[in-house]
């Protein structure tokens, strides 16, 4: 079962793209860490 789904996520600071077109799914019970 999908707990969280992200589709087509993008982020910019002003005109500078940080990331674009991010897709991921997190299942129920999964532990996920995002490092930047």
PDB file of N, CA and C in Angstrom:
ATOM      1  N   UNK A   1       0.844  -1.175   0.000  1.00  0.00           N
ATOM      2  CA  UNK A   1       0.000   0.000   0.000  1.00  0.00           C
ATOM      3  C   UNK A   1       0.895   1.246   0.000  1.00  0.00           C
ATOM      4  N   UNK A   2       0.616   2.179  -0.875  1.00  0.00           N
ATOM      5  CA  UNK A   2       1.395   3.413  -0.974  1.00  0.00           C
ATOM      6  C   UNK A   2       0.935   4.405   0.087  1.00  0.00           C
ATOM      7  N   UNK A   3       1.892   4.851   0.909  1.00  0.00           N
ATOM      8  CA  UNK A   3       1.618   5.826   1.960  1.00  0.00           C
ATOM      9  C   UNK A   3       1.763   7.253   1.434  1.00  0.00           C
ATOM     10  N   UNK A   4       2.786   7.456   0.569  1.00  0.00           N
ATOM     11  CA  UNK A   4       3.040   8.771  -0.012  1.00  0.00           C
ATOM     12  C   UNK A   4       3.549   8.582  -1.429  1.00  0.00           C
ATOM     13  N   UNK A   5       3.006   9.333  -2.359  1.00  0.00           N
ATOM     14  CA  UNK A   5       3.457   9.294  -3.751  1.00  0.00           C
ATOM     15  C   UNK A   5       3.716  10.728  -4.216  1.00  0.00           C
ATOM     16  N   UNK A   6       4.883  10.938  -4.815  1.00  0.00           N
ATOM     17  CA  UNK A   6       5.259  12.247  -5.340  1.00  0.00           C
ATOM     18  C   UNK A   6       5.502  12.086  -6.827  1.00  0.00           C
ATOM     19  N   UNK A   7       4.909  12.967  -7.616  1.00  0.00           N
ATOM     20  CA  UNK A   7       5.011  12.872  -9.066  1.00  0.00           C
ATOM     21  C   UNK A   7       5.268  14.264  -9.647  1.00  0.00           C
ATOM     22  N   UNK A   8       6.361  14.383 -10.399  1.00  0.00           N
ATOM     23  CA  UNK A   8       6.690  15.622 -11.105  1.00  0.00           C
ATOM     24  C   UNK A   8       6.974  16.794 -10.154  1.00  0.00           C
ATOM     25  N   UNK A   9       7.758  16.546  -9.110  1.00  0.00           N
ATOM     26  CA  UNK A   9       8.127  17.580  -8.140  1.00  0.00           C
ATOM     27  C   UNK A   9       9.344  18.350  -8.635  1.00  0.00           C
ATOM     28  N   UNK A  10       9.288  19.665  -8.564  1.00  0.00           N
ATOM     29  CA  UNK A  10      10.399  20.528  -8.975  1.00  0.00           C
ATOM     30  C   UNK A  10      10.585  21.631  -7.938  1.00  0.00           C
ATOM     31  N   UNK A  11      11.834  22.133  -7.827  1.00  0.00           N
ATOM     32  CA  UNK A  11      12.137  23.231  -6.902  1.00  0.00           C
ATOM     33  C   UNK A  11      13.195  24.127  -7.513  1.00  0.00           C
ATOM     34  N   UNK A  12      12.980  25.442  -7.383  1.00  0.00           N
ATOM     35  CA  UNK A  12      13.960  26.427  -7.854  1.00  0.00           C
ATOM     36  C   UNK A  12      14.161  27.479  -6.781  1.00  0.00           C
ATOM     37  N   UNK A  13      15.337  28.085  -6.785  1.00  0.00           N
ATOM     38  CA  UNK A  13      15.619  29.271  -6.000  1.00  0.00           C
ATOM     39  C   UNK A  13      15.849  30.380  -7.001  1.00  0.00           C
ATOM     40  N   UNK A  14      14.869  31.263  -7.133  1.00  0.00           N
ATOM     41  CA  UNK A  14      14.927  32.275  -8.189  1.00  0.00           C
ATOM     42  C   UNK A  14      14.856  31.580  -9.538  1.00  0.00           C
ATOM     43  N   UNK A  15      15.847  31.802 -10.376  1.00  0.00           N
ATOM     44  CA  UNK A  15      15.891  31.161 -11.694  1.00  0.00           C
ATOM     45  C   UNK A  15      16.768  29.909 -11.705  1.00  0.00           C
ATOM     46  N   UNK A  16      17.352  29.565 -10.547  1.00  0.00           N
ATOM     47  CA  UNK A  16      18.257  28.422 -10.473  1.00  0.00           C
ATOM     48  C   UNK A  16      17.494  27.159 -10.092  1.00  0.00           C
ATOM     49  N   UNK A  17      17.414  26.164 -11.006  1.00  0.00           N
ATOM     50  CA  UNK A  17      16.737  24.910 -10.656  1.00  0.00           C
ATOM     51  C   UNK A  17      17.580  24.081  -9.680  1.00  0.00           C
ATOM     52  N   UNK A  18      16.933  23.573  -8.638  1.00  0.00           N
ATOM     53  CA  UNK A  18      17.600  22.709  -7.664  1.00  0.00           C
ATOM     54  C   UNK A  18      17.384  21.253  -8.063  1.00  0.00           C
ATOM     55  N   UNK A  19      16.147  20.897  -8.371  1.00  0.00           N
ATOM     56  CA  UNK A  19      15.815  19.593  -8.937  1.00  0.00           C
ATOM     57  C   UNK A  19      14.539  19.747  -9.734  1.00  0.00           C
ATOM     58  N   UNK A  20      14.332  18.821 -10.657  1.00  0.00           N
ATOM     59  CA  UNK A  20      13.108  18.873 -11.443  1.00  0.00           C
ATOM     60  C   UNK A  20      12.679  17.480 -11.859  1.00  0.00           C
ATOM     61  N   UNK A  21      11.368  17.304 -11.951  1.00  0.00           N
ATOM     62  CA  UNK A  21      10.739  16.068 -12.402  1.00  0.00           C
ATOM     63  C   UNK A  21      11.090  14.869 -11.517  1.00  0.00           C
ATOM     64  N   UNK A  22      10.980  15.030 -10.192  1.00  0.00           N
ATOM     65  CA  UNK A  22      11.260  13.962  -9.232  1.00  0.00           C
ATOM     66  C   UNK A  22       9.994  13.124  -9.039  1.00  0.00           C
ATOM     67  N   UNK A  23      10.164  11.801  -9.046  1.00  0.00           N
ATOM     68  CA  UNK A  23       9.064  10.859  -8.827  1.00  0.00           C
ATOM     69  C   UNK A  23       9.507   9.834  -7.786  1.00  0.00           C
ATOM     70  N   UNK A  24       8.668   9.558  -6.784  1.00  0.00           N
ATOM     71  CA  UNK A  24       8.950   8.458  -5.865  1.00  0.00           C
ATOM     72  C   UNK A  24       7.688   8.055  -5.117  1.00  0.00           C
ATOM     73  N   UNK A  25       7.736   6.828  -4.572  1.00  0.00           N
ATOM     74  CA  UNK A  25       6.650   6.302  -3.755  1.00  0.00           C
ATOM     75  C   UNK A  25       7.243   5.773  -2.463  1.00  0.00           C
ATOM     76  N   UNK A  26       6.520   5.957  -1.377  1.00  0.00           N
ATOM     77  CA  UNK A  26       6.915   5.413  -0.087  1.00  0.00           C
ATOM     78  C   UNK A  26       5.788   4.502   0.372  1.00  0.00           C
ATOM     79  N   UNK A  27       6.145   3.250   0.640  1.00  0.00           N
ATOM     80  CA  UNK A  27       5.153   2.280   1.090  1.00  0.00           C
ATOM     81  C   UNK A  27       4.935   2.424   2.595  1.00  0.00           C
ATOM     82  N   UNK A  28       3.789   1.994   3.059  1.00  0.00           N
ATOM     83  CA  UNK A  28       3.480   2.030   4.480  1.00  0.00           C
ATOM     84  C   UNK A  28       4.504   1.184   5.233  1.00  0.00           C
ATOM     85  N   UNK A  29       5.086   1.742   6.284  1.00  0.00           N
ATOM     86  CA  UNK A  29       6.079   1.027   7.077  1.00  0.00           C
ATOM     87  C   UNK A  29       7.518   1.268   6.647  1.00  0.00           C
ATOM     88  N   UNK A  30       7.744   1.902   5.497  1.00  0.00           N
ATOM     89  CA  UNK A  30       9.102   2.198   5.037  1.00  0.00           C
ATOM     90  C   UNK A  30       9.663   3.398   5.791  1.00  0.00           C
ATOM     91  N   UNK A  31      10.967   3.382   5.989  1.00  0.00           N
ATOM     92  CA  UNK A  31      11.673   4.504   6.587  1.00  0.00           C
ATOM     93  C   UNK A  31      12.543   5.117   5.506  1.00  0.00           C
ATOM     94  N   UNK A  32      12.364   6.415   5.247  1.00  0.00           N
ATOM     95  CA  UNK A  32      13.063   7.090   4.152  1.00  0.00           C
ATOM     96  C   UNK A  32      13.738   8.345   4.692  1.00  0.00           C
ATOM     97  N   UNK A  33      14.963   8.594   4.231  1.00  0.00           N
ATOM     98  CA  UNK A  33      15.688   9.807   4.579  1.00  0.00           C
ATOM     99  C   UNK A  33      16.085  10.521   3.303  1.00  0.00           C
ATOM    100  N   UNK A  34      15.817  11.813   3.237  1.00  0.00           N
ATOM    101  CA  UNK A  34      16.237  12.625   2.099  1.00  0.00           C
ATOM    102  C   UNK A  34      17.409  13.487   2.540  1.00  0.00           C
ATOM    103  N   UNK A  35      18.530  13.356   1.851  1.00  0.00           N
ATOM    104  CA  UNK A  35      19.728  14.132   2.167  1.00  0.00           C
ATOM    105  C   UNK A  35      19.984  15.134   1.070  1.00  0.00           C
ATOM    106  N   UNK A  36      20.420  16.289   1.437  1.00  0.00           N
ATOM    107  CA  UNK A  36      20.681  17.299   0.418  1.00  0.00           C
ATOM    108  C   UNK A  36      21.977  18.017   0.634  1.00  0.00           C
TER     109      UNK A  36
END
